[in-house]
Amino acid sequence: MTRPYAEVIGDPISQSKSPAIHTYWLRELGIDATYEAHHVTAAGLEAYLAERRADGLWRGCNVTMPHKQAVIPLLDKLDPLARDIGAVNTIIREEDGSLLGYNTDASGFLDPLKPFLAQQHLFRMARVLGTGGAARAIIVALARANIVLVVAGRNPDKARALLDELDPQGEHHVVSLAHFADETNFAFDDRTGIFDLIVNASPLGMEGQPPLAFDLSHAPPGSIFYDIVTHPVDTPLLKAARAAGFPTIDGLHMLIGQAAEAFERFFGTAPLRADQDAELRDMLTR
């Protein structure tokens, strides 16, 4: 390498859309640098970071599954938000070779919700479906936006433990994921002034996975459906919700949002957004 570069690491890694996103921004901004995917196994993680630490051209890397928690003891410093979430998705190499861990998933997740959260609400509630690694940043982001959570997982005890760890002072609730699979005749009260959000934070609905079993009768009127899955972008959950008249947000919004913050940390320049997001989305869904 003779130019500055950043990477995304994971196992597997071939499915990552991050190289396409960052390369697009580098080209649009005329920055002479590269961004590539690098396959790193759990056994090779420590050696990879030791090698990159010594490389002055390496700006850092994004971290995807299964390394978001495993990298933490290998870093020199953690950003406070990453420490609170307990997961790192962005590593920055500082000039002295020290490695600093960040989490941009939380801000990336909230990015498309900003217009809604800028409004005044009488009450805010989110149903978060899933308790895996992706849910950690989402739970912290929503709790800090003063949203009451109902976290659903296959194991409700795991969901409760996650809430107790990430927001022990919050008045949140847990249920079994199976609770949402069957129709309910629950009569929702007037939702005027209420913000309701349904989030799929699980891999269900991803290509190769079964769809998320969620009966739409559990969604209060006016709920926003948000699915973080990106392959496919238009998941069975989003299709069903949209057909029933609910507003939807797909996982590309979070992916691009978290990438934008990481890009600025890597290369010192904020990527162009707004109209260019539409062009980028079109490129990613061809």
C-alpha atoms as a PDB file:
ATOM      1  CA  MET A   1       0.000   0.000   0.000  1.00  0.00           C
ATOM      2  CA  THR A   2       1.303   3.439  -0.945  1.00  0.00           C
ATOM      3  CA  ARG A   3      -1.894   5.365  -0.238  1.00  0.00           C
ATOM      4  CA  PRO A   4      -3.886   5.855   2.960  1.00  0.00           C
ATOM      5  CA  TYR A   5      -6.450   3.117   3.367  1.00  0.00           C
ATOM      6  CA  ALA A   6      -9.194   1.790   5.612  1.00  0.00           C
ATOM      7  CA  GLU A   7     -10.922  -1.572   5.688  1.00  0.00           C
ATOM      8  CA  VAL A   8     -13.895  -3.533   6.937  1.00  0.00           C
ATOM      9  CA  ILE A   9     -13.171  -6.800   8.736  1.00  0.00           C
ATOM     10  CA  GLY A  10     -15.374  -9.741   9.606  1.00  0.00           C
ATOM     11  CA  ASP A  11     -15.997 -13.436   9.115  1.00  0.00           C
ATOM     12  CA  PRO A  12     -17.588 -13.801   6.599  1.00  0.00           C
ATOM     13  CA  ILE A  13     -16.975 -10.501   4.847  1.00  0.00           C
ATOM     14  CA  SER A  14     -17.794 -10.984   1.145  1.00  0.00           C
ATOM     15  CA  GLN A  15     -21.382  -9.799   1.697  1.00  0.00           C
ATOM     16  CA  SER A  16     -20.346  -6.383   3.055  1.00  0.00           C
ATOM     17  CA  LYS A  17     -21.621  -3.301   1.234  1.00  0.00           C
ATOM     18  CA  SER A  18     -19.158  -1.043   3.073  1.00  0.00           C
ATOM     19  CA  PRO A  19     -16.446  -1.060   0.344  1.00  0.00           C
ATOM     20  CA  ALA A  20     -18.967   0.134  -2.238  1.00  0.00           C
ATOM     21  CA  ILE A  21     -20.201   2.925   0.061  1.00  0.00           C
ATOM     22  CA  HIS A  22     -16.789   4.242   1.103  1.00  0.00           C
ATOM     23  CA  THR A  23     -15.291   3.917  -2.391  1.00  0.00           C
ATOM     24  CA  TYR A  24     -18.209   5.939  -3.758  1.00  0.00           C
ATOM     25  CA  TRP A  25     -17.555   8.753  -1.273  1.00  0.00           C
ATOM     26  CA  LEU A  26     -13.786   8.688  -1.861  1.00  0.00           C
ATOM     27  CA  ARG A  27     -14.375   9.056  -5.585  1.00  0.00           C
ATOM     28  CA  GLU A  28     -16.978  11.810  -5.200  1.00  0.00           C
ATOM     29  CA  LEU A  29     -14.724  13.816  -2.864  1.00  0.00           C
ATOM     30  CA  GLY A  30     -11.538  13.214  -4.863  1.00  0.00           C
ATOM     31  CA  ILE A  31      -9.703  11.704  -1.878  1.00  0.00           C
ATOM     32  CA  ASP A  32      -6.639   9.652  -2.843  1.00  0.00           C
ATOM     33  CA  ALA A  33      -7.246   6.671  -0.569  1.00  0.00           C
ATOM     34  CA  THR A  34      -8.785   3.210  -0.674  1.00  0.00           C
ATOM     35  CA  TYR A  35     -11.253   1.156   1.341  1.00  0.00           C
ATOM     36  CA  GLU A  36     -11.443  -2.623   1.003  1.00  0.00           C
ATOM     37  CA  ALA A  37     -12.872  -5.697   2.700  1.00  0.00           C
ATOM     38  CA  HIS A  38     -10.471  -7.948   4.590  1.00  0.00           C
ATOM     39  CA  HIS A  39     -11.407 -11.402   5.837  1.00  0.00           C
ATOM     40  CA  VAL A  40     -10.305 -11.802   9.455  1.00  0.00           C
ATOM     41  CA  THR A  41     -11.140 -14.860  11.547  1.00  0.00           C
ATOM     42  CA  ALA A  42     -11.432 -14.877  15.326  1.00  0.00           C
ATOM     43  CA  ALA A  43      -8.087 -16.665  15.537  1.00  0.00           C
ATOM     44  CA  GLY A  44      -6.412 -14.028  13.360  1.00  0.00           C
ATOM     45  CA  LEU A  45      -7.922 -10.911  14.945  1.00  0.00           C
ATOM     46  CA  GLU A  46      -5.102 -10.103  17.372  1.00  0.00           C
ATOM     47  CA  ALA A  47      -2.383 -10.555  14.730  1.00  0.00           C
ATOM     48  CA  TYR A  48      -4.311  -8.433  12.233  1.00  0.00           C
ATOM     49  CA  LEU A  49      -4.568  -5.490  14.638  1.00  0.00           C
ATOM     50  CA  ALA A  50      -0.916  -5.797  15.669  1.00  0.00           C
ATOM     51  CA  GLU A  51       0.154  -5.628  12.023  1.00  0.00           C
ATOM     52  CA  ARG A  52      -2.130  -2.702  11.154  1.00  0.00           C
ATOM     53  CA  ARG A  53      -1.107  -0.796  14.278  1.00  0.00           C
ATOM     54  CA  ALA A  54       2.424  -0.583  12.838  1.00  0.00           C
ATOM     55  CA  ASP A  55       1.241   0.671   9.428  1.00  0.00           C
ATOM     56  CA  GLY A  56       1.196   4.467   9.233  1.00  0.00           C
ATOM     57  CA  LEU A  57      -0.955   4.433   6.089  1.00  0.00           C
ATOM     58  CA  TRP A  58      -3.762   2.497   7.770  1.00  0.00           C
ATOM     59  CA  ARG A  59      -6.491   4.852   8.955  1.00  0.00           C
ATOM     60  CA  GLY A  60      -8.560   2.186  10.682  1.00  0.00           C
ATOM     61  CA  CYS A  61     -11.317  -0.276   9.998  1.00  0.00           C
ATOM     62  CA  ASN A  62     -14.978  -0.983  10.387  1.00  0.00           C
ATOM     63  CA  VAL A  63     -15.764  -4.100  12.380  1.00  0.00           C
ATOM     64  CA  THR A  64     -18.622  -6.432  11.619  1.00  0.00           C
ATOM     65  CA  MET A  65     -19.708  -9.779  13.010  1.00  0.00           C
ATOM     66  CA  PRO A  66     -18.414 -11.656  14.875  1.00  0.00           C
ATOM     67  CA  HIS A  67     -15.735  -9.250  16.155  1.00  0.00           C
ATOM     68  CA  LYS A  68     -17.618  -6.239  17.578  1.00  0.00           C
ATOM     69  CA  GLN A  69     -17.080  -7.320  21.177  1.00  0.00           C
ATOM     70  CA  ALA A  70     -13.951  -9.434  20.715  1.00  0.00           C
ATOM     71  CA  VAL A  71     -11.900  -6.411  19.582  1.00  0.00           C
ATOM     72  CA  ILE A  72     -12.476  -4.446  22.787  1.00  0.00           C
ATOM     73  CA  PRO A  73      -9.652  -5.923  24.916  1.00  0.00           C
ATOM     74  CA  LEU A  74      -7.255  -5.461  21.981  1.00  0.00           C
ATOM     75  CA  LEU A  75      -7.761  -1.676  21.840  1.00  0.00           C
ATOM     76  CA  ASP A  76      -5.984   1.069  23.774  1.00  0.00           C
ATOM     77  CA  LYS A  77      -8.984   3.340  24.334  1.00  0.00           C
ATOM     78  CA  LEU A  78     -12.759   3.247  24.003  1.00  0.00           C
ATOM     79  CA  ASP A  79     -15.066   6.111  23.177  1.00  0.00           C
ATOM     80  CA  PRO A  80     -17.618   6.484  26.037  1.00  0.00           C
ATOM     81  CA  LEU A  81     -20.558   5.520  23.807  1.00  0.00           C
ATOM     82  CA  ALA A  82     -18.790   2.364  22.615  1.00  0.00           C
ATOM     83  CA  ARG A  83     -18.046   1.517  26.242  1.00  0.00           C
ATOM     84  CA  ASP A  84     -21.702   1.959  27.213  1.00  0.00           C
ATOM     85  CA  ILE A  85     -22.897  -0.163  24.293  1.00  0.00           C
ATOM     86  CA  GLY A  86     -20.235  -2.788  24.874  1.00  0.00           C
ATOM     87  CA  ALA A  87     -19.474  -3.129  21.175  1.00  0.00           C
ATOM     88  CA  VAL A  88     -17.137  -1.485  18.646  1.00  0.00           C
ATOM     89  CA  ASN A  89     -17.807  -1.138  14.936  1.00  0.00           C
ATOM     90  CA  THR A  90     -15.109   1.426  14.077  1.00  0.00           C
ATOM     91  CA  ILE A  91     -11.409   1.411  14.989  1.00  0.00           C
ATOM     92  CA  ILE A  92      -9.239   4.469  14.394  1.00  0.00           C
ATOM     93  CA  ARG A  93      -5.440   4.377  14.356  1.00  0.00           C
ATOM     94  CA  GLU A  94      -4.041   7.486  16.004  1.00  0.00           C
ATOM     95  CA  GLU A  95      -0.699   9.010  14.977  1.00  0.00           C
ATOM     96  CA  ASP A  96       1.188   7.279  17.786  1.00  0.00           C
ATOM     97  CA  GLY A  97      -0.152   3.882  16.699  1.00  0.00           C
ATOM     98  CA  SER A  98      -2.703   3.564  19.487  1.00  0.00           C
ATOM     99  CA  LEU A  99      -6.105   2.162  18.572  1.00  0.00           C
ATOM    100  CA  LEU A 100      -9.348   3.882  19.576  1.00  0.00           C
ATOM    101  CA  GLY A 101     -12.710   2.115  19.383  1.00  0.00           C
ATOM    102  CA  TYR A 102     -15.978   3.826  18.455  1.00  0.00           C
ATOM    103  CA  ASN A 103     -19.548   2.721  17.850  1.00  0.00           C
ATOM    104  CA  THR A 104     -21.283   4.503  14.976  1.00  0.00           C
ATOM    105  CA  ASP A 105     -24.179   2.025  14.800  1.00  0.00           C
ATOM    106  CA  ALA A 106     -26.189   4.011  17.367  1.00  0.00           C
ATOM    107  CA  SER A 107     -26.029   7.300  15.461  1.00  0.00           C
ATOM    108  CA  GLY A 108     -26.499   5.482  12.161  1.00  0.00           C
ATOM    109  CA  PHE A 109     -29.648   3.824  13.463  1.00  0.00           C
ATOM    110  CA  LEU A 110     -31.107   7.142  14.648  1.00  0.00           C
ATOM    111  CA  ASP A 111     -30.194   8.985  11.430  1.00  0.00           C
ATOM    112  CA  PRO A 112     -33.479   8.363   9.541  1.00  0.00           C
ATOM    113  CA  LEU A 113     -35.513   8.859  12.734  1.00  0.00           C
ATOM    114  CA  LYS A 114     -34.265  12.423  13.343  1.00  0.00           C
ATOM    115  CA  PRO A 115     -37.269  14.143  11.683  1.00  0.00           C
ATOM    116  CA  PHE A 116     -39.637  12.168  13.904  1.00  0.00           C
ATOM    117  CA  LEU A 117     -37.651  12.595  17.114  1.00  0.00           C
ATOM    118  CA  ALA A 118     -37.407  16.353  16.528  1.00  0.00           C
ATOM    119  CA  GLN A 119     -41.155  16.514  17.168  1.00  0.00           C
ATOM    120  CA  GLN A 120     -42.789  16.749  20.581  1.00  0.00           C
ATOM    121  CA  HIS A 121     -44.524  13.580  21.767  1.00  0.00           C
ATOM    122  CA  LEU A 122     -46.658  12.743  24.775  1.00  0.00           C
ATOM    123  CA  PHE A 123     -45.069   9.299  24.905  1.00  0.00           C
ATOM    124  CA  ARG A 124     -42.578   7.270  22.901  1.00  0.00           C
ATOM    125  CA  MET A 125     -42.481   3.489  22.677  1.00  0.00           C
ATOM    126  CA  ALA A 126     -40.431   1.083  20.580  1.00  0.00           C
ATOM    127  CA  ARG A 127     -40.814  -2.651  20.204  1.00  0.00           C
ATOM    128  CA  VAL A 128     -37.334  -4.045  19.529  1.00  0.00           C
ATOM    129  CA  LEU A 129     -37.343  -7.571  18.114  1.00  0.00           C
ATOM    130  CA  GLY A 130     -34.055  -9.351  18.758  1.00  0.00           C
ATOM    131  CA  THR A 131     -31.418  -9.512  21.487  1.00  0.00           C
ATOM    132  CA  GLY A 132     -28.251 -10.201  19.488  1.00  0.00           C
ATOM    133  CA  GLY A 133     -25.249  -7.974  18.901  1.00  0.00           C
ATOM    134  CA  ALA A 134     -27.095  -5.531  16.639  1.00  0.00           C
ATOM    135  CA  ALA A 135     -29.689  -4.872  19.329  1.00  0.00           C
ATOM    136  CA  ARG A 136     -27.131  -3.449  21.764  1.00  0.00           C
ATOM    137  CA  ALA A 137     -26.543  -0.171  19.911  1.00  0.00           C
ATOM    138  CA  ILE A 138     -30.232   0.142  19.061  1.00  0.00           C
ATOM    139  CA  ILE A 139     -31.334  -0.263  22.677  1.00  0.00           C
ATOM    140  CA  VAL A 140     -28.855   2.352  23.905  1.00  0.00           C
ATOM    141  CA  ALA A 141     -29.763   4.785  21.106  1.00  0.00           C
ATOM    142  CA  LEU A 142     -33.496   4.511  21.749  1.00  0.00           C
ATOM    143  CA  ALA A 143     -33.206   4.648  25.530  1.00  0.00           C
ATOM    144  CA  ARG A 144     -31.173   7.861  25.257  1.00  0.00           C
ATOM    145  CA  ALA A 145     -33.929   9.308  23.057  1.00  0.00           C
ATOM    146  CA  ASN A 146     -36.338   8.852  25.992  1.00  0.00           C
ATOM    147  CA  ILE A 147     -38.172   5.961  24.384  1.00  0.00           C
ATOM    148  CA  VAL A 148     -39.750   3.219  26.487  1.00  0.00           C
ATOM    149  CA  LEU A 149     -38.725  -0.170  25.124  1.00  0.00           C
ATOM    150  CA  VAL A 150     -40.380  -3.536  24.784  1.00  0.00           C
ATOM    151  CA  VAL A 151     -37.563  -5.934  23.919  1.00  0.00           C
ATOM    152  CA  ALA A 152     -38.547  -9.298  22.486  1.00  0.00           C
ATOM    153  CA  GLY A 153     -36.258 -12.299  22.232  1.00  0.00           C
ATOM    154  CA  ARG A 154     -36.478 -16.038  22.013  1.00  0.00           C
ATOM    155  CA  ASN A 155     -35.281 -16.018  25.627  1.00  0.00           C
ATOM    156  CA  PRO A 156     -36.995 -13.248  27.658  1.00  0.00           C
ATOM    157  CA  ASP A 157     -34.441 -13.694  30.451  1.00  0.00           C
ATOM    158  CA  LYS A 158     -31.690 -12.702  28.009  1.00  0.00           C
ATOM    159  CA  ALA A 159     -33.741  -9.680  26.980  1.00  0.00           C
ATOM    160  CA  ARG A 160     -34.113  -8.612  30.615  1.00  0.00           C
ATOM    161  CA  ALA A 161     -30.392  -9.093  31.265  1.00  0.00           C
ATOM    162  CA  LEU A 162     -29.607  -6.950  28.223  1.00  0.00           C
ATOM    163  CA  LEU A 163     -31.847  -4.127  29.441  1.00  0.00           C
ATOM    164  CA  ASP A 164     -30.456  -4.361  32.972  1.00  0.00           C
ATOM    165  CA  GLU A 165     -26.947  -4.023  31.553  1.00  0.00           C
ATOM    166  CA  LEU A 166     -27.564  -1.254  29.019  1.00  0.00           C
ATOM    167  CA  ASP A 167     -30.199   0.917  30.729  1.00  0.00           C
ATOM    168  CA  PRO A 168     -30.702  -0.272  34.314  1.00  0.00           C
ATOM    169  CA  GLN A 169     -32.692   2.834  35.323  1.00  0.00           C
ATOM    170  CA  GLY A 170     -35.171   2.562  32.449  1.00  0.00           C
ATOM    171  CA  GLU A 171     -38.746   1.369  32.893  1.00  0.00           C
ATOM    172  CA  HIS A 172     -38.652  -1.075  30.020  1.00  0.00           C
ATOM    173  CA  HIS A 173     -40.408  -4.377  29.352  1.00  0.00           C
ATOM    174  CA  VAL A 174     -39.559  -7.791  27.908  1.00  0.00           C
ATOM    175  CA  VAL A 175     -41.634 -10.420  26.123  1.00  0.00           C
ATOM    176  CA  SER A 176     -41.015 -13.585  24.185  1.00  0.00           C
ATOM    177  CA  LEU A 177     -40.503 -13.129  20.456  1.00  0.00           C
ATOM    178  CA  ALA A 178     -43.263 -15.694  19.962  1.00  0.00           C
ATOM    179  CA  HIS A 179     -45.688 -13.249  21.609  1.00  0.00           C
ATOM    180  CA  PHE A 180     -45.800 -11.190  18.411  1.00  0.00           C
ATOM    181  CA  ALA A 181     -46.348 -14.129  16.063  1.00  0.00           C
ATOM    182  CA  ASP A 182     -50.034 -14.649  16.814  1.00  0.00           C
ATOM    183  CA  GLU A 183     -52.908 -12.274  16.166  1.00  0.00           C
ATOM    184  CA  THR A 184     -54.108 -10.133  19.048  1.00  0.00           C
ATOM    185  CA  ASN A 185     -57.442  -8.399  19.562  1.00  0.00           C
ATOM    186  CA  PHE A 186     -55.901  -5.778  21.855  1.00  0.00           C
ATOM    187  CA  ALA A 187     -57.670  -2.429  21.460  1.00  0.00           C
ATOM    188  CA  PHE A 188     -55.086   0.347  21.294  1.00  0.00           C
ATOM    189  CA  ASP A 189     -56.026   3.671  22.843  1.00  0.00           C
ATOM    190  CA  ASP A 190     -55.889   6.998  20.997  1.00  0.00           C
ATOM    191  CA  ARG A 191     -52.335   7.333  19.628  1.00  0.00           C
ATOM    192  CA  THR A 192     -52.491  11.070  18.941  1.00  0.00           C
ATOM    193  CA  GLY A 193     -49.176  12.541  20.044  1.00  0.00           C
ATOM    194  CA  ILE A 194     -47.662   9.071  20.536  1.00  0.00           C
ATOM    195  CA  PHE A 195     -44.516   7.851  18.760  1.00  0.00           C
ATOM    196  CA  ASP A 196     -44.606   4.104  18.062  1.00  0.00           C
ATOM    197  CA  LEU A 197     -41.738   2.206  16.457  1.00  0.00           C
ATOM    198  CA  ILE A 198     -41.338  -1.456  15.495  1.00  0.00           C
ATOM    199  CA  VAL A 199     -37.700  -2.514  14.947  1.00  0.00           C
ATOM    200  CA  ASN A 200     -36.433  -5.797  13.574  1.00  0.00           C
ATOM    201  CA  ALA A 201     -32.961  -5.991  15.128  1.00  0.00           C
ATOM    202  CA  SER A 202     -32.612  -9.694  14.342  1.00  0.00           C
ATOM    203  CA  PRO A 203     -31.320 -11.522  11.243  1.00  0.00           C
ATOM    204  CA  LEU A 204     -34.803 -12.939  10.604  1.00  0.00           C
ATOM    205  CA  GLY A 205     -35.927 -11.972   7.123  1.00  0.00           C
ATOM    206  CA  MET A 206     -32.360 -11.939   5.814  1.00  0.00           C
ATOM    207  CA  GLU A 207     -31.661 -14.049   2.742  1.00  0.00           C
ATOM    208  CA  GLY A 208     -31.162 -17.623   3.928  1.00  0.00           C
ATOM    209  CA  GLN A 209     -33.088 -16.988   7.161  1.00  0.00           C
ATOM    210  CA  PRO A 210     -36.788 -17.557   7.870  1.00  0.00           C
ATOM    211  CA  PRO A 211     -38.968 -14.435   7.877  1.00  0.00           C
ATOM    212  CA  LEU A 212     -39.740 -12.654  11.127  1.00  0.00           C
ATOM    213  CA  ALA A 213     -43.088 -13.887  12.440  1.00  0.00           C
ATOM    214  CA  PHE A 214     -44.833 -10.641  13.389  1.00  0.00           C
ATOM    215  CA  ASP A 215     -48.598 -10.238  13.216  1.00  0.00           C
ATOM    216  CA  LEU A 216     -49.455  -6.657  12.297  1.00  0.00           C
ATOM    217  CA  SER A 217     -52.266  -6.577  14.851  1.00  0.00           C
ATOM    218  CA  HIS A 218     -49.531  -5.912  17.441  1.00  0.00           C
ATOM    219  CA  ALA A 219     -48.639  -2.596  15.782  1.00  0.00           C
ATOM    220  CA  PRO A 220     -50.421   0.496  17.115  1.00  0.00           C
ATOM    221  CA  PRO A 221     -51.957   2.714  14.411  1.00  0.00           C
ATOM    222  CA  GLY A 222     -49.336   4.951  12.810  1.00  0.00           C
ATOM    223  CA  SER A 223     -46.377   2.800  13.877  1.00  0.00           C
ATOM    224  CA  ILE A 224     -43.138   3.139  11.938  1.00  0.00           C
ATOM    225  CA  PHE A 225     -41.612  -0.186  10.868  1.00  0.00           C
ATOM    226  CA  TYR A 226     -37.795  -0.244  10.746  1.00  0.00           C
ATOM    227  CA  ASP A 227     -35.899  -3.342   9.582  1.00  0.00           C
ATOM    228  CA  ILE A 228     -32.095  -3.248   9.828  1.00  0.00           C
ATOM    229  CA  VAL A 229     -31.653  -6.206   7.443  1.00  0.00           C
ATOM    230  CA  THR A 230     -29.978  -5.116   4.185  1.00  0.00           C
ATOM    231  CA  HIS A 231     -30.004  -8.350   2.166  1.00  0.00           C
ATOM    232  CA  PRO A 232     -32.671  -8.081   0.898  1.00  0.00           C
ATOM    233  CA  VAL A 233     -33.340  -4.405   1.455  1.00  0.00           C
ATOM    234  CA  ASP A 234     -37.093  -4.828   1.077  1.00  0.00           C
ATOM    235  CA  THR A 235     -37.773  -7.552   3.624  1.00  0.00           C
ATOM    236  CA  PRO A 236     -41.009  -9.536   4.044  1.00  0.00           C
ATOM    237  CA  LEU A 237     -41.750  -7.501   7.193  1.00  0.00           C
ATOM    238  CA  LEU A 238     -41.421  -4.173   5.377  1.00  0.00           C
ATOM    239  CA  LYS A 239     -43.507  -5.372   2.436  1.00  0.00           C
ATOM    240  CA  ALA A 240     -46.319  -6.515   4.728  1.00  0.00           C
ATOM    241  CA  ALA A 241     -46.227  -3.324   6.790  1.00  0.00           C
ATOM    242  CA  ARG A 242     -46.234  -1.076   3.732  1.00  0.00           C
ATOM    243  CA  ALA A 243     -49.122  -3.016   2.182  1.00  0.00           C
ATOM    244  CA  ALA A 244     -51.084  -2.380   5.389  1.00  0.00           C
ATOM    245  CA  GLY A 245     -50.406   1.358   5.192  1.00  0.00           C
ATOM    246  CA  PHE A 246     -47.603   1.699   7.750  1.00  0.00           C
ATOM    247  CA  PRO A 247     -44.550   3.909   7.051  1.00  0.00           C
ATOM    248  CA  THR A 248     -41.316   1.918   6.692  1.00  0.00           C
ATOM    249  CA  ILE A 249     -37.550   2.432   6.985  1.00  0.00           C
ATOM    250  CA  ASP A 250     -35.123  -0.070   5.477  1.00  0.00           C
ATOM    251  CA  GLY A 251     -31.684  -1.110   6.700  1.00  0.00           C
ATOM    252  CA  LEU A 252     -29.745   0.873   4.095  1.00  0.00           C
ATOM    253  CA  HIS A 253     -30.537   4.038   6.062  1.00  0.00           C
ATOM    254  CA  MET A 254     -28.696   2.722   9.120  1.00  0.00           C
ATOM    255  CA  LEU A 255     -25.886   1.265   7.012  1.00  0.00           C
ATOM    256  CA  ILE A 256     -25.224   4.552   5.215  1.00  0.00           C
ATOM    257  CA  GLY A 257     -25.644   6.591   8.400  1.00  0.00           C
ATOM    258  CA  GLN A 258     -23.122   4.611  10.419  1.00  0.00           C
ATOM    259  CA  ALA A 259     -20.732   4.553   7.451  1.00  0.00           C
ATOM    260  CA  ALA A 260     -20.866   8.348   7.133  1.00  0.00           C
ATOM    261  CA  GLU A 261     -19.622   8.907  10.683  1.00  0.00           C
ATOM    262  CA  ALA A 262     -16.902   6.281  10.272  1.00  0.00           C
ATOM    263  CA  PHE A 263     -15.799   7.782   6.930  1.00  0.00           C
ATOM    264  CA  GLU A 264     -15.284  11.202   8.502  1.00  0.00           C
ATOM    265  CA  ARG A 265     -13.180   9.646  11.263  1.00  0.00           C
ATOM    266  CA  PHE A 266     -11.070   7.719   8.730  1.00  0.00           C
ATOM    267  CA  PHE A 267     -10.469  10.438   6.164  1.00  0.00           C
ATOM    268  CA  GLY A 268     -11.140  13.733   7.981  1.00  0.00           C
ATOM    269  CA  THR A 269     -13.923  14.865   5.646  1.00  0.00           C
ATOM    270  CA  ALA A 270     -17.664  14.363   5.963  1.00  0.00           C
ATOM    271  CA  PRO A 271     -19.194  12.558   2.973  1.00  0.00           C
ATOM    272  CA  LEU A 272     -21.757  14.258   0.795  1.00  0.00           C
ATOM    273  CA  ARG A 273     -25.300  13.259   1.762  1.00  0.00           C
ATOM    274  CA  ALA A 274     -28.813  14.413   0.809  1.00  0.00           C
ATOM    275  CA  ASP A 275     -29.273  13.894  -2.947  1.00  0.00           C
ATOM    276  CA  GLN A 276     -26.192  11.692  -3.089  1.00  0.00           C
ATOM    277  CA  ASP A 277     -27.771   9.256  -0.637  1.00  0.00           C
ATOM    278  CA  ALA A 278     -30.392   8.507  -3.289  1.00  0.00           C
ATOM    279  CA  GLU A 279     -27.686   7.848  -5.886  1.00  0.00           C
ATOM    280  CA  LEU A 280     -25.804   5.656  -3.427  1.00  0.00           C
ATOM    281  CA  ARG A 281     -28.950   3.697  -2.540  1.00  0.00           C
ATOM    282  CA  ASP A 282     -29.659   3.148  -6.220  1.00  0.00           C
ATOM    283  CA  MET A 283     -26.136   1.807  -6.722  1.00  0.00           C
ATOM    284  CA  LEU A 284     -26.430  -0.554  -3.738  1.00  0.00           C
ATOM    285  CA  THR A 285     -29.754  -2.029  -4.841  1.00  0.00           C
ATOM    286  CA  ARG A 286     -28.990  -2.710  -8.500  1.00  0.00           C
END
